[in-house]
Amino acid sequence: MTGRSGRAPGRARVERAGAAAAPGAPAGRPSGRPAGRRPVPPVVLALRRLPSPRLTGLGAGLFASAVMLALGLLDQLLLDGSPVVYGLLFLPVSALTALWVRTADLVTAPIGVPIAFAVGVVPVAGGTGGFGGQAMAVVTALAVHAGWLYGGTLVAGLIASVRKVRDMGRRHQRTAPRPGAGEGSGGRAPAAGRRPVV
């Protein structure tokens, strides 16, 4: 009698622990990756490892202008002002500007990118004859190479639009009420709307 009574509490505790762990453990599923999720592509993983600063609208415009001016100077020094190389380099700069600007200033990305293109095209235009000649060369370069300008602006606009839509979706998920959150215990409605019993 003494041995049985000594083992009974321990056995009961083991049975309770097993019963408590059983509902939480999914039957027939491995303990690794959750079911229903697809594997992330390697390209997306590589992009997530890149630095992701959050620039203000002014900071993004200054970043794009400084980078395009540096690229324009390098293009003039190394390749004698090749407009094709300058236009090709403008596309990734536009994409980075739209990716690194903060969510509150997404609308400034398609605005600051064309300004950066105009700033960087100054050394590539190659104007002579003082300020007037340089200004005319810049205007001519902007008119001739408008395709690269529109392409970079379109890239920045598309990336900013996708980021804005994703941010709106995340906000909607956070503010959406959860099912059953307003129900009381036992499925009854909350007592705030009850009428007093006469």
N, C-alpha and C. Protein backbone atom coordinates (compact mmCIF):
# COMPACT_ATOMS: atom_id res chain seq x y z
N MET A 1 0.83 -1.21 0.00
CA MET A 1 0.00 0.00 0.00
C MET A 1 0.86 1.25 0.00
N THR A 2 1.97 1.22 0.76
CA THR A 2 2.84 2.39 0.84
C THR A 2 3.52 2.66 -0.47
N GLY A 3 4.02 1.56 -1.18
CA GLY A 3 4.68 1.76 -2.48
C GLY A 3 3.74 2.28 -3.52
N ARG A 4 2.52 1.76 -3.58
CA ARG A 4 1.56 2.24 -4.59
C ARG A 4 1.20 3.69 -4.36
N SER A 5 0.95 4.06 -3.10
CA SER A 5 0.57 5.44 -2.82
C SER A 5 1.71 6.40 -3.09
N GLY A 6 2.98 5.92 -2.99
CA GLY A 6 4.12 6.79 -3.28
C GLY A 6 4.31 7.02 -4.75
N ARG A 7 3.95 6.04 -5.60
CA ARG A 7 4.14 6.20 -7.04
C ARG A 7 2.96 6.89 -7.70
N ALA A 8 1.81 6.91 -7.09
CA ALA A 8 0.62 7.46 -7.74
C ALA A 8 0.73 8.94 -8.05
N PRO A 9 1.20 9.82 -7.14
CA PRO A 9 1.29 11.25 -7.49
C PRO A 9 2.24 11.52 -8.64
N GLY A 10 3.40 10.82 -8.67
CA GLY A 10 4.34 11.03 -9.77
C GLY A 10 3.76 10.61 -11.09
N ARG A 11 3.07 9.43 -11.11
CA ARG A 11 2.45 8.96 -12.35
C ARG A 11 1.35 9.92 -12.79
N ALA A 12 0.60 10.49 -11.88
CA ALA A 12 -0.46 11.45 -12.25
C ALA A 12 0.14 12.70 -12.86
N ARG A 13 1.27 13.16 -12.29
CA ARG A 13 1.90 14.35 -12.86
C ARG A 13 2.41 14.09 -14.26
N VAL A 14 2.97 12.90 -14.53
CA VAL A 14 3.44 12.57 -15.87
C VAL A 14 2.29 12.53 -16.85
N GLU A 15 1.15 11.94 -16.43
CA GLU A 15 -0.01 11.88 -17.32
C GLU A 15 -0.56 13.27 -17.61
N ARG A 16 -0.55 14.16 -16.61
CA ARG A 16 -1.03 15.52 -16.86
C ARG A 16 -0.11 16.25 -17.81
N ALA A 17 1.19 16.08 -17.67
CA ALA A 17 2.13 16.74 -18.56
C ALA A 17 1.98 16.25 -19.99
N GLY A 18 1.76 14.94 -20.15
CA GLY A 18 1.55 14.41 -21.50
C GLY A 18 0.27 14.91 -22.11
N ALA A 19 -0.80 15.01 -21.31
CA ALA A 19 -2.07 15.51 -21.83
C ALA A 19 -1.99 16.98 -22.19
N ALA A 20 -1.18 17.77 -21.45
CA ALA A 20 -1.05 19.19 -21.76
C ALA A 20 -0.21 19.41 -22.99
N ALA A 21 0.78 18.56 -23.23
CA ALA A 21 1.65 18.73 -24.40
C ALA A 21 1.02 18.20 -25.66
N ALA A 22 0.05 17.29 -25.55
CA ALA A 22 -0.53 16.67 -26.74
C ALA A 22 -1.29 17.65 -27.63
N PRO A 23 -2.17 18.55 -27.07
CA PRO A 23 -2.90 19.44 -27.98
C PRO A 23 -2.00 20.41 -28.72
N GLY A 24 -0.87 20.84 -28.13
CA GLY A 24 -0.01 21.82 -28.79
C GLY A 24 0.85 21.23 -29.87
N ALA A 25 1.09 19.94 -29.89
CA ALA A 25 1.97 19.33 -30.87
C ALA A 25 1.17 18.89 -32.06
N PRO A 26 1.44 19.43 -33.26
CA PRO A 26 0.70 19.03 -34.46
C PRO A 26 1.04 17.61 -34.86
N ALA A 27 0.00 16.83 -35.11
CA ALA A 27 0.20 15.43 -35.44
C ALA A 27 0.59 15.28 -36.89
N GLY A 28 1.65 14.51 -37.12
CA GLY A 28 2.04 14.18 -38.48
C GLY A 28 2.80 15.28 -39.20
N ARG A 29 3.25 16.37 -38.50
CA ARG A 29 3.99 17.45 -39.13
C ARG A 29 5.39 17.49 -38.57
N PRO A 30 6.39 17.74 -39.39
CA PRO A 30 7.75 17.85 -38.87
C PRO A 30 7.92 19.13 -38.08
N SER A 31 8.90 19.18 -37.20
CA SER A 31 9.13 20.33 -36.34
C SER A 31 9.96 21.39 -37.00
N GLY A 32 10.22 21.34 -38.29
CA GLY A 32 11.04 22.31 -38.98
C GLY A 32 10.25 23.47 -39.49
N ARG A 33 10.30 23.73 -40.83
CA ARG A 33 9.63 24.86 -41.44
C ARG A 33 8.13 24.69 -41.36
N PRO A 34 7.37 25.76 -41.05
CA PRO A 34 5.90 25.65 -40.95
C PRO A 34 5.30 25.26 -42.29
N ALA A 35 4.22 24.48 -42.21
CA ALA A 35 3.57 24.03 -43.43
C ALA A 35 2.86 25.18 -44.11
N GLY A 36 2.82 25.16 -45.42
CA GLY A 36 2.15 26.20 -46.18
C GLY A 36 3.05 27.34 -46.62
N ARG A 37 4.28 27.43 -46.14
CA ARG A 37 5.20 28.48 -46.53
C ARG A 37 6.15 27.98 -47.62
N ARG A 38 6.31 28.81 -48.63
CA ARG A 38 7.22 28.45 -49.71
C ARG A 38 8.64 28.88 -49.37
N PRO A 39 9.63 28.19 -49.89
CA PRO A 39 11.01 28.62 -49.63
C PRO A 39 11.31 29.95 -50.29
N VAL A 40 12.09 30.79 -49.62
CA VAL A 40 12.42 32.11 -50.13
C VAL A 40 13.47 31.97 -51.23
N PRO A 41 13.29 32.62 -52.38
CA PRO A 41 14.29 32.51 -53.46
C PRO A 41 15.64 33.06 -53.02
N PRO A 42 16.73 32.55 -53.59
CA PRO A 42 18.06 33.05 -53.20
C PRO A 42 18.27 34.52 -53.54
N VAL A 43 17.63 35.01 -54.61
CA VAL A 43 17.80 36.41 -54.97
C VAL A 43 17.22 37.32 -53.88
N VAL A 44 16.05 36.93 -53.34
CA VAL A 44 15.44 37.73 -52.28
C VAL A 44 16.30 37.70 -51.02
N LEU A 45 16.88 36.55 -50.71
CA LEU A 45 17.76 36.47 -49.55
C LEU A 45 19.00 37.35 -49.73
N ALA A 46 19.54 37.37 -50.96
CA ALA A 46 20.70 38.23 -51.21
C ALA A 46 20.35 39.71 -51.10
N LEU A 47 19.15 40.09 -51.56
CA LEU A 47 18.73 41.48 -51.43
C LEU A 47 18.49 41.88 -49.99
N ARG A 48 18.02 40.92 -49.17
CA ARG A 48 17.79 41.24 -47.76
C ARG A 48 19.10 41.46 -47.01
N ARG A 49 20.19 40.88 -47.49
CA ARG A 49 21.48 41.07 -46.82
C ARG A 49 22.10 42.43 -47.13
N LEU A 50 21.62 43.12 -48.15
CA LEU A 50 22.17 44.43 -48.50
C LEU A 50 21.81 45.45 -47.43
N PRO A 51 22.62 46.52 -47.29
CA PRO A 51 22.26 47.56 -46.33
C PRO A 51 20.96 48.24 -46.72
N SER A 52 20.18 48.58 -45.73
CA SER A 52 18.87 49.17 -45.98
C SER A 52 18.70 50.42 -45.12
N PRO A 53 19.41 51.53 -45.46
CA PRO A 53 19.22 52.76 -44.69
C PRO A 53 17.87 53.38 -45.00
N ARG A 54 17.43 54.24 -44.13
CA ARG A 54 16.17 54.94 -44.32
C ARG A 54 16.47 56.44 -44.36
N LEU A 55 16.45 56.99 -45.59
CA LEU A 55 16.78 58.39 -45.81
C LEU A 55 15.51 59.23 -45.84
N THR A 56 15.63 60.47 -45.42
CA THR A 56 14.53 61.40 -45.59
C THR A 56 14.42 61.80 -47.06
N GLY A 57 13.38 62.55 -47.39
CA GLY A 57 13.23 62.98 -48.78
C GLY A 57 14.39 63.84 -49.23
N LEU A 58 14.82 64.78 -48.37
CA LEU A 58 15.98 65.61 -48.71
C LEU A 58 17.26 64.80 -48.78
N GLY A 59 17.42 63.87 -47.85
CA GLY A 59 18.62 63.04 -47.87
C GLY A 59 18.69 62.15 -49.09
N ALA A 60 17.54 61.61 -49.52
CA ALA A 60 17.54 60.78 -50.73
C ALA A 60 17.89 61.60 -51.96
N GLY A 61 17.37 62.84 -52.04
CA GLY A 61 17.71 63.69 -53.17
C GLY A 61 19.19 64.07 -53.19
N LEU A 62 19.74 64.39 -52.02
CA LEU A 62 21.17 64.70 -51.95
C LEU A 62 22.03 63.49 -52.28
N PHE A 63 21.60 62.31 -51.81
CA PHE A 63 22.35 61.09 -52.12
C PHE A 63 22.39 60.83 -53.62
N ALA A 64 21.22 60.91 -54.27
CA ALA A 64 21.17 60.66 -55.71
C ALA A 64 21.96 61.71 -56.48
N SER A 65 21.87 62.97 -56.09
CA SER A 65 22.59 64.02 -56.80
C SER A 65 24.10 63.86 -56.64
N ALA A 66 24.56 63.55 -55.43
CA ALA A 66 25.99 63.38 -55.20
C ALA A 66 26.54 62.18 -55.97
N VAL A 67 25.79 61.08 -55.95
CA VAL A 67 26.27 59.89 -56.66
C VAL A 67 26.29 60.12 -58.17
N MET A 68 25.26 60.75 -58.71
CA MET A 68 25.22 60.99 -60.15
C MET A 68 26.28 62.00 -60.58
N LEU A 69 26.57 63.00 -59.75
CA LEU A 69 27.64 63.93 -60.08
C LEU A 69 29.00 63.24 -60.09
N ALA A 70 29.23 62.36 -59.10
CA ALA A 70 30.48 61.60 -59.08
C ALA A 70 30.59 60.67 -60.28
N LEU A 71 29.50 60.02 -60.64
CA LEU A 71 29.52 59.14 -61.81
C LEU A 71 29.71 59.93 -63.10
N GLY A 72 29.11 61.10 -63.18
CA GLY A 72 29.31 61.93 -64.36
C GLY A 72 30.76 62.38 -64.52
N LEU A 73 31.39 62.75 -63.40
CA LEU A 73 32.80 63.14 -63.46
C LEU A 73 33.68 61.96 -63.87
N LEU A 74 33.40 60.78 -63.31
CA LEU A 74 34.17 59.60 -63.70
C LEU A 74 33.94 59.23 -65.16
N ASP A 75 32.72 59.37 -65.62
CA ASP A 75 32.42 59.09 -67.02
C ASP A 75 33.16 60.05 -67.94
N GLN A 76 33.25 61.32 -67.55
CA GLN A 76 33.96 62.30 -68.37
C GLN A 76 35.46 62.04 -68.38
N LEU A 77 36.00 61.62 -67.22
CA LEU A 77 37.44 61.39 -67.14
C LEU A 77 37.87 60.10 -67.83
N LEU A 78 37.09 59.04 -67.64
CA LEU A 78 37.51 57.73 -68.13
C LEU A 78 37.00 57.42 -69.53
N LEU A 79 35.78 57.82 -69.84
CA LEU A 79 35.15 57.43 -71.11
C LEU A 79 34.79 58.61 -71.99
N ASP A 80 35.33 59.79 -71.67
CA ASP A 80 35.11 60.99 -72.47
C ASP A 80 33.62 61.35 -72.55
N GLY A 81 32.91 61.16 -71.46
CA GLY A 81 31.50 61.57 -71.39
C GLY A 81 30.57 60.72 -72.22
N SER A 82 30.58 59.41 -72.01
CA SER A 82 29.68 58.53 -72.76
C SER A 82 28.27 58.63 -72.19
N PRO A 83 27.30 59.08 -72.98
CA PRO A 83 25.93 59.20 -72.45
C PRO A 83 25.26 57.85 -72.19
N VAL A 84 25.65 56.81 -72.93
CA VAL A 84 25.05 55.49 -72.72
C VAL A 84 25.47 54.93 -71.36
N VAL A 85 26.74 55.05 -71.03
CA VAL A 85 27.22 54.57 -69.74
C VAL A 85 26.58 55.37 -68.61
N TYR A 86 26.47 56.67 -68.81
CA TYR A 86 25.84 57.52 -67.78
C TYR A 86 24.37 57.13 -67.59
N GLY A 87 23.66 56.87 -68.67
CA GLY A 87 22.26 56.48 -68.56
C GLY A 87 22.09 55.12 -67.90
N LEU A 88 22.98 54.18 -68.22
CA LEU A 88 22.91 52.86 -67.59
C LEU A 88 23.18 52.93 -66.09
N LEU A 89 24.12 53.78 -65.70
CA LEU A 89 24.40 53.92 -64.27
C LEU A 89 23.29 54.67 -63.54
N PHE A 90 22.51 55.45 -64.27
CA PHE A 90 21.42 56.19 -63.65
C PHE A 90 20.30 55.26 -63.17
N LEU A 91 20.10 54.16 -63.85
CA LEU A 91 19.00 53.24 -63.49
C LEU A 91 19.19 52.62 -62.11
N PRO A 92 20.35 52.01 -61.79
CA PRO A 92 20.48 51.47 -60.42
C PRO A 92 20.49 52.54 -59.34
N VAL A 93 20.99 53.72 -59.65
CA VAL A 93 20.94 54.80 -58.65
C VAL A 93 19.49 55.18 -58.36
N SER A 94 18.66 55.21 -59.39
CA SER A 94 17.23 55.51 -59.19
C SER A 94 16.57 54.43 -58.34
N ALA A 95 16.91 53.17 -58.60
CA ALA A 95 16.33 52.08 -57.81
C ALA A 95 16.76 52.16 -56.35
N LEU A 96 18.04 52.42 -56.10
CA LEU A 96 18.51 52.51 -54.72
C LEU A 96 17.88 53.69 -53.99
N THR A 97 17.70 54.80 -54.70
CA THR A 97 17.07 55.96 -54.07
C THR A 97 15.65 55.64 -53.64
N ALA A 98 14.90 54.94 -54.49
CA ALA A 98 13.53 54.57 -54.12
C ALA A 98 13.49 53.50 -53.04
N LEU A 99 14.50 52.65 -52.97
CA LEU A 99 14.52 51.61 -51.94
C LEU A 99 14.95 52.15 -50.58
N TRP A 100 15.82 53.15 -50.56
CA TRP A 100 16.40 53.62 -49.30
C TRP A 100 15.67 54.81 -48.70
N VAL A 101 14.76 55.43 -49.43
CA VAL A 101 14.01 56.52 -48.83
C VAL A 101 13.00 55.95 -47.84
N ARG A 102 12.73 56.67 -46.78
CA ARG A 102 11.81 56.15 -45.77
C ARG A 102 10.38 56.18 -46.30
N THR A 103 9.52 55.42 -45.65
CA THR A 103 8.16 55.23 -46.15
C THR A 103 7.37 56.53 -46.17
N ALA A 104 7.59 57.39 -45.20
CA ALA A 104 6.84 58.65 -45.16
C ALA A 104 7.19 59.59 -46.30
N ASP A 105 8.36 59.42 -46.93
CA ASP A 105 8.82 60.31 -48.00
C ASP A 105 8.92 59.58 -49.34
N LEU A 106 8.12 58.56 -49.54
CA LEU A 106 8.20 57.81 -50.79
C LEU A 106 7.87 58.66 -52.01
N VAL A 107 7.01 59.64 -51.84
CA VAL A 107 6.60 60.45 -52.98
C VAL A 107 7.76 61.31 -53.51
N THR A 108 8.79 61.53 -52.70
CA THR A 108 9.90 62.36 -53.14
C THR A 108 10.89 61.62 -54.03
N ALA A 109 10.82 60.29 -54.07
CA ALA A 109 11.79 59.54 -54.88
C ALA A 109 11.65 59.84 -56.37
N PRO A 110 10.45 59.78 -56.97
CA PRO A 110 10.36 60.11 -58.40
C PRO A 110 10.60 61.58 -58.71
N ILE A 111 10.62 62.43 -57.66
CA ILE A 111 10.87 63.86 -57.88
C ILE A 111 12.37 64.16 -57.81
N GLY A 112 13.05 63.56 -56.86
CA GLY A 112 14.47 63.85 -56.70
C GLY A 112 15.36 63.18 -57.73
N VAL A 113 14.90 62.09 -58.31
CA VAL A 113 15.73 61.36 -59.27
C VAL A 113 15.99 62.17 -60.55
N PRO A 114 14.99 62.80 -61.17
CA PRO A 114 15.30 63.62 -62.36
C PRO A 114 16.23 64.79 -62.06
N ILE A 115 16.10 65.37 -60.86
CA ILE A 115 17.01 66.46 -60.48
C ILE A 115 18.44 65.94 -60.40
N ALA A 116 18.61 64.74 -59.85
CA ALA A 116 19.94 64.15 -59.77
C ALA A 116 20.51 63.87 -61.16
N PHE A 117 19.65 63.45 -62.09
CA PHE A 117 20.11 63.23 -63.46
C PHE A 117 20.61 64.53 -64.08
N ALA A 118 19.89 65.63 -63.85
CA ALA A 118 20.32 66.91 -64.40
C ALA A 118 21.61 67.41 -63.76
N VAL A 119 21.80 67.14 -62.46
CA VAL A 119 23.04 67.55 -61.80
C VAL A 119 24.22 66.76 -62.33
N GLY A 120 24.05 65.45 -62.52
CA GLY A 120 25.16 64.63 -62.97
C GLY A 120 25.49 64.78 -64.44
N VAL A 121 24.55 65.29 -65.24
CA VAL A 121 24.81 65.40 -66.68
C VAL A 121 25.65 66.63 -67.01
N VAL A 122 25.89 67.50 -66.04
CA VAL A 122 26.66 68.73 -66.30
C VAL A 122 28.07 68.41 -66.80
N PRO A 123 28.86 67.55 -66.14
CA PRO A 123 30.18 67.25 -66.71
C PRO A 123 30.13 66.41 -67.98
N VAL A 124 29.04 65.68 -68.20
CA VAL A 124 28.94 64.84 -69.39
C VAL A 124 28.55 65.67 -70.61
N ALA A 125 27.81 66.78 -70.40
CA ALA A 125 27.33 67.58 -71.53
C ALA A 125 28.47 68.20 -72.31
N GLY A 126 29.51 68.64 -71.59
CA GLY A 126 30.69 69.16 -72.29
C GLY A 126 30.46 70.50 -72.98
N GLY A 127 29.75 71.42 -72.35
CA GLY A 127 29.52 72.73 -72.95
C GLY A 127 30.72 73.64 -72.80
N THR A 128 30.82 74.62 -73.67
CA THR A 128 31.90 75.60 -73.64
C THR A 128 31.30 76.99 -73.79
N GLY A 129 32.14 78.02 -73.51
CA GLY A 129 31.71 79.39 -73.72
C GLY A 129 31.03 80.00 -72.52
N GLY A 130 31.39 79.62 -71.30
CA GLY A 130 30.84 80.25 -70.12
C GLY A 130 29.55 79.61 -69.66
N PHE A 131 28.84 80.35 -68.80
CA PHE A 131 27.63 79.80 -68.20
C PHE A 131 26.53 79.57 -69.23
N GLY A 132 26.38 80.47 -70.17
CA GLY A 132 25.34 80.32 -71.18
C GLY A 132 25.56 79.09 -72.04
N GLY A 133 26.79 78.90 -72.49
CA GLY A 133 27.09 77.72 -73.30
C GLY A 133 26.93 76.43 -72.53
N GLN A 134 27.32 76.43 -71.25
CA GLN A 134 27.16 75.24 -70.42
C GLN A 134 25.69 74.93 -70.20
N ALA A 135 24.87 75.97 -69.96
CA ALA A 135 23.45 75.75 -69.75
C ALA A 135 22.78 75.20 -71.01
N MET A 136 23.16 75.71 -72.16
CA MET A 136 22.58 75.20 -73.40
C MET A 136 22.99 73.76 -73.65
N ALA A 137 24.24 73.41 -73.29
CA ALA A 137 24.70 72.03 -73.46
C ALA A 137 23.92 71.08 -72.54
N VAL A 138 23.63 71.54 -71.30
CA VAL A 138 22.87 70.70 -70.37
C VAL A 138 21.44 70.50 -70.88
N VAL A 139 20.80 71.56 -71.36
CA VAL A 139 19.44 71.45 -71.88
C VAL A 139 19.41 70.51 -73.09
N THR A 140 20.42 70.64 -73.96
CA THR A 140 20.48 69.75 -75.13
C THR A 140 20.67 68.30 -74.72
N ALA A 141 21.54 68.06 -73.73
CA ALA A 141 21.77 66.69 -73.26
C ALA A 141 20.51 66.11 -72.63
N LEU A 142 19.77 66.93 -71.89
CA LEU A 142 18.53 66.44 -71.29
C LEU A 142 17.49 66.11 -72.36
N ALA A 143 17.44 66.89 -73.42
CA ALA A 143 16.48 66.62 -74.49
C ALA A 143 16.87 65.40 -75.31
N VAL A 144 18.17 65.25 -75.56
CA VAL A 144 18.61 64.13 -76.40
C VAL A 144 18.51 62.81 -75.65
N HIS A 145 18.88 62.83 -74.38
CA HIS A 145 18.92 61.60 -73.59
C HIS A 145 17.74 61.53 -72.62
N ALA A 146 16.58 62.00 -73.07
CA ALA A 146 15.40 61.97 -72.22
C ALA A 146 14.92 60.55 -71.95
N GLY A 147 15.26 59.60 -72.82
CA GLY A 147 14.84 58.22 -72.60
C GLY A 147 15.41 57.64 -71.31
N TRP A 148 16.70 57.90 -71.05
CA TRP A 148 17.28 57.43 -69.80
C TRP A 148 16.64 58.15 -68.61
N LEU A 149 16.34 59.43 -68.77
CA LEU A 149 15.70 60.18 -67.69
C LEU A 149 14.33 59.62 -67.36
N TYR A 150 13.53 59.35 -68.38
CA TYR A 150 12.20 58.78 -68.14
C TYR A 150 12.29 57.36 -67.59
N GLY A 151 13.27 56.61 -68.08
CA GLY A 151 13.41 55.22 -67.59
C GLY A 151 13.76 55.17 -66.11
N GLY A 152 14.72 55.99 -65.68
CA GLY A 152 15.08 56.01 -64.26
C GLY A 152 13.95 56.51 -63.38
N THR A 153 13.23 57.54 -63.88
CA THR A 153 12.09 58.04 -63.12
C THR A 153 11.00 56.99 -63.00
N LEU A 154 10.79 56.23 -64.09
CA LEU A 154 9.79 55.16 -64.04
C LEU A 154 10.19 54.06 -63.06
N VAL A 155 11.46 53.72 -63.02
CA VAL A 155 11.93 52.70 -62.07
C VAL A 155 11.70 53.17 -60.63
N ALA A 156 12.07 54.41 -60.36
CA ALA A 156 11.86 54.94 -59.00
C ALA A 156 10.38 55.00 -58.65
N GLY A 157 9.55 55.40 -59.60
CA GLY A 157 8.12 55.46 -59.32
C GLY A 157 7.50 54.10 -59.07
N LEU A 158 7.91 53.09 -59.84
CA LEU A 158 7.37 51.75 -59.63
C LEU A 158 7.78 51.18 -58.28
N ILE A 159 9.04 51.34 -57.92
CA ILE A 159 9.50 50.81 -56.63
C ILE A 159 8.81 51.53 -55.48
N ALA A 160 8.66 52.85 -55.59
CA ALA A 160 7.98 53.59 -54.54
C ALA A 160 6.51 53.18 -54.44
N SER A 161 5.87 52.92 -55.56
CA SER A 161 4.46 52.51 -55.53
C SER A 161 4.31 51.13 -54.88
N VAL A 162 5.19 50.20 -55.22
CA VAL A 162 5.12 48.86 -54.62
C VAL A 162 5.36 48.94 -53.12
N ARG A 163 6.32 49.73 -52.70
CA ARG A 163 6.57 49.87 -51.26
C ARG A 163 5.38 50.50 -50.55
N LYS A 164 4.73 51.47 -51.20
CA LYS A 164 3.57 52.10 -50.57
C LYS A 164 2.41 51.13 -50.43
N VAL A 165 2.19 50.31 -51.46
CA VAL A 165 1.10 49.33 -51.39
C VAL A 165 1.37 48.30 -50.30
N ARG A 166 2.60 47.83 -50.20
CA ARG A 166 2.94 46.87 -49.16
C ARG A 166 2.79 47.48 -47.77
N ASP A 167 3.17 48.74 -47.61
CA ASP A 167 3.02 49.39 -46.31
C ASP A 167 1.55 49.54 -45.95
N MET A 168 0.71 49.88 -46.92
CA MET A 168 -0.72 49.98 -46.65
C MET A 168 -1.32 48.63 -46.27
N GLY A 169 -0.85 47.54 -46.92
CA GLY A 169 -1.32 46.21 -46.56
C GLY A 169 -0.93 45.82 -45.15
N ARG A 170 0.30 46.14 -44.75
CA ARG A 170 0.73 45.82 -43.39
C ARG A 170 -0.07 46.62 -42.35
N ARG A 171 -0.36 47.89 -42.66
CA ARG A 171 -1.16 48.68 -41.73
C ARG A 171 -2.57 48.12 -41.61
N HIS A 172 -3.13 47.69 -42.73
CA HIS A 172 -4.48 47.13 -42.68
C HIS A 172 -4.52 45.84 -41.86
N GLN A 173 -3.48 45.02 -41.98
CA GLN A 173 -3.43 43.79 -41.18
C GLN A 173 -3.30 44.08 -39.70
N ARG A 174 -2.54 45.13 -39.36
CA ARG A 174 -2.39 45.46 -37.94
C ARG A 174 -3.66 46.03 -37.34
N THR A 175 -4.40 46.82 -38.12
CA THR A 175 -5.61 47.47 -37.59
C THR A 175 -6.86 46.62 -37.74
N ALA A 176 -6.81 45.54 -38.53
CA ALA A 176 -8.00 44.71 -38.73
C ALA A 176 -8.34 43.98 -37.43
N PRO A 177 -9.60 43.94 -37.02
CA PRO A 177 -9.97 43.22 -35.78
C PRO A 177 -9.85 41.72 -35.97
N ARG A 178 -9.40 41.06 -34.96
CA ARG A 178 -9.26 39.61 -35.02
C ARG A 178 -10.62 38.95 -34.83
N PRO A 179 -10.86 37.82 -35.49
CA PRO A 179 -12.15 37.14 -35.32
C PRO A 179 -12.34 36.63 -33.90
N GLY A 180 -13.50 36.94 -33.33
CA GLY A 180 -13.81 36.49 -31.97
C GLY A 180 -13.24 37.37 -30.89
N ALA A 181 -12.62 38.53 -31.29
CA ALA A 181 -12.02 39.37 -30.26
C ALA A 181 -13.08 40.09 -29.43
N GLY A 182 -14.26 40.39 -30.04
CA GLY A 182 -15.28 41.10 -29.30
C GLY A 182 -16.24 40.22 -28.55
N GLU A 183 -16.08 38.90 -28.63
CA GLU A 183 -16.98 37.99 -27.95
C GLU A 183 -16.51 37.72 -26.54
N GLY A 184 -17.43 37.56 -25.64
CA GLY A 184 -17.08 37.25 -24.27
C GLY A 184 -16.85 35.77 -24.09
N SER A 185 -16.71 35.35 -22.87
CA SER A 185 -16.50 33.94 -22.58
C SER A 185 -17.80 33.19 -22.82
N GLY A 186 -17.67 32.03 -23.46
CA GLY A 186 -18.83 31.21 -23.75
C GLY A 186 -19.60 31.66 -24.95
N GLY A 187 -19.03 32.58 -25.78
CA GLY A 187 -19.68 33.02 -26.99
C GLY A 187 -20.77 34.03 -26.77
N ARG A 188 -20.92 34.57 -25.53
CA ARG A 188 -21.95 35.56 -25.26
C ARG A 188 -21.46 36.94 -25.60
N ALA A 189 -22.37 37.83 -25.95
CA ALA A 189 -22.03 39.20 -26.29
C ALA A 189 -21.59 39.93 -25.04
N PRO A 190 -20.79 40.99 -25.17
CA PRO A 190 -20.37 41.74 -23.98
C PRO A 190 -21.55 42.38 -23.27
N ALA A 191 -21.39 42.58 -21.98
CA ALA A 191 -22.48 43.04 -21.14
C ALA A 191 -22.76 44.53 -21.26
N ALA A 192 -21.98 45.27 -22.13
CA ALA A 192 -22.17 46.71 -22.21
C ALA A 192 -23.50 47.06 -22.84
N GLY A 193 -24.00 46.20 -23.76
CA GLY A 193 -25.22 46.52 -24.47
C GLY A 193 -26.47 45.97 -23.83
N ARG A 194 -26.42 45.38 -22.66
CA ARG A 194 -27.61 44.81 -22.03
C ARG A 194 -28.49 45.89 -21.42
N ARG A 195 -29.77 45.61 -21.47
CA ARG A 195 -30.69 46.53 -20.85
C ARG A 195 -30.91 46.14 -19.40
N PRO A 196 -31.13 47.14 -18.55
CA PRO A 196 -31.35 46.80 -17.12
C PRO A 196 -32.64 46.03 -16.94
N VAL A 197 -32.61 45.07 -16.07
CA VAL A 197 -33.77 44.23 -15.79
C VAL A 197 -34.68 45.00 -14.85
N VAL A 198 -35.98 45.12 -15.24
CA VAL A 198 -36.95 45.85 -14.40
C VAL A 198 -37.54 44.88 -13.38
